[in-house]
Amino acid sequence: MNKAPQTNPANFARAVVKAELEGKEAPAPPEDEYYCRRAACFVSIKSDGQLRGCIGTLEPAESDLGLEIVRNAQSAAFGDPRFPGVVIEELPRLTFSVDVLSEPEEVKSREELDPKEYGVIVSCDYRRGVLLPDLEGVDTVEHQLSIACQKAGIFDDDSFTIKRFTVTRFFEDEEKDAG
């Protein structure tokens, strides 16, 4: 079921946040088979090119991708602890992207990693960190793992496991008033 969605997930994420800011109920997910499957995703929001919010799931938390996007769009806009909640005046400056994750797979060797192609999940006991693939300024496996470990509170001398995953990344279309 890798067929491209008819409705761009990033446009849908914007519509969800816009509805919340206007005090309306979140729109229902598009009636498109792409949104009916279970999948984990991340919603990223940038303001004038700078990160403004990013929340996601490594395993699906909802019954389908459409509801997963609703959950993560709302959390990225209003629940990312690194930033204050989005306000309606910001909406014209915001850009949305959605990363739909593949099933993570164990990595036996760092040679199986490529920060342009694969995101990583690092785990040590109960601590876990994640970094999406193909991020600006993250060009080496060592840098990618270092950031993921730092996010998880994993130290240099800790032993940790690595999983990798790919994403299908969606950026908004030009028409920002969609939804």
Foldseek 3Di string as FASTA:
>chain_A
DPDDWPDFLQLLLLQLVLCVLVVHHRDFFDPTVQFQAFFKKKKWKDFQNHTAFIDIDLGGPDRTNRVRSSVRSQCRQPPHVVHHHDHPVRSVRMWMKMWTKDNWDWDPDLVVDFQQFKKKWKDAPPFIFIDAGRDPPPGDSVSRVVVRCVVRVHDPPGDITMIIIGIDMTTDDPPNVRD
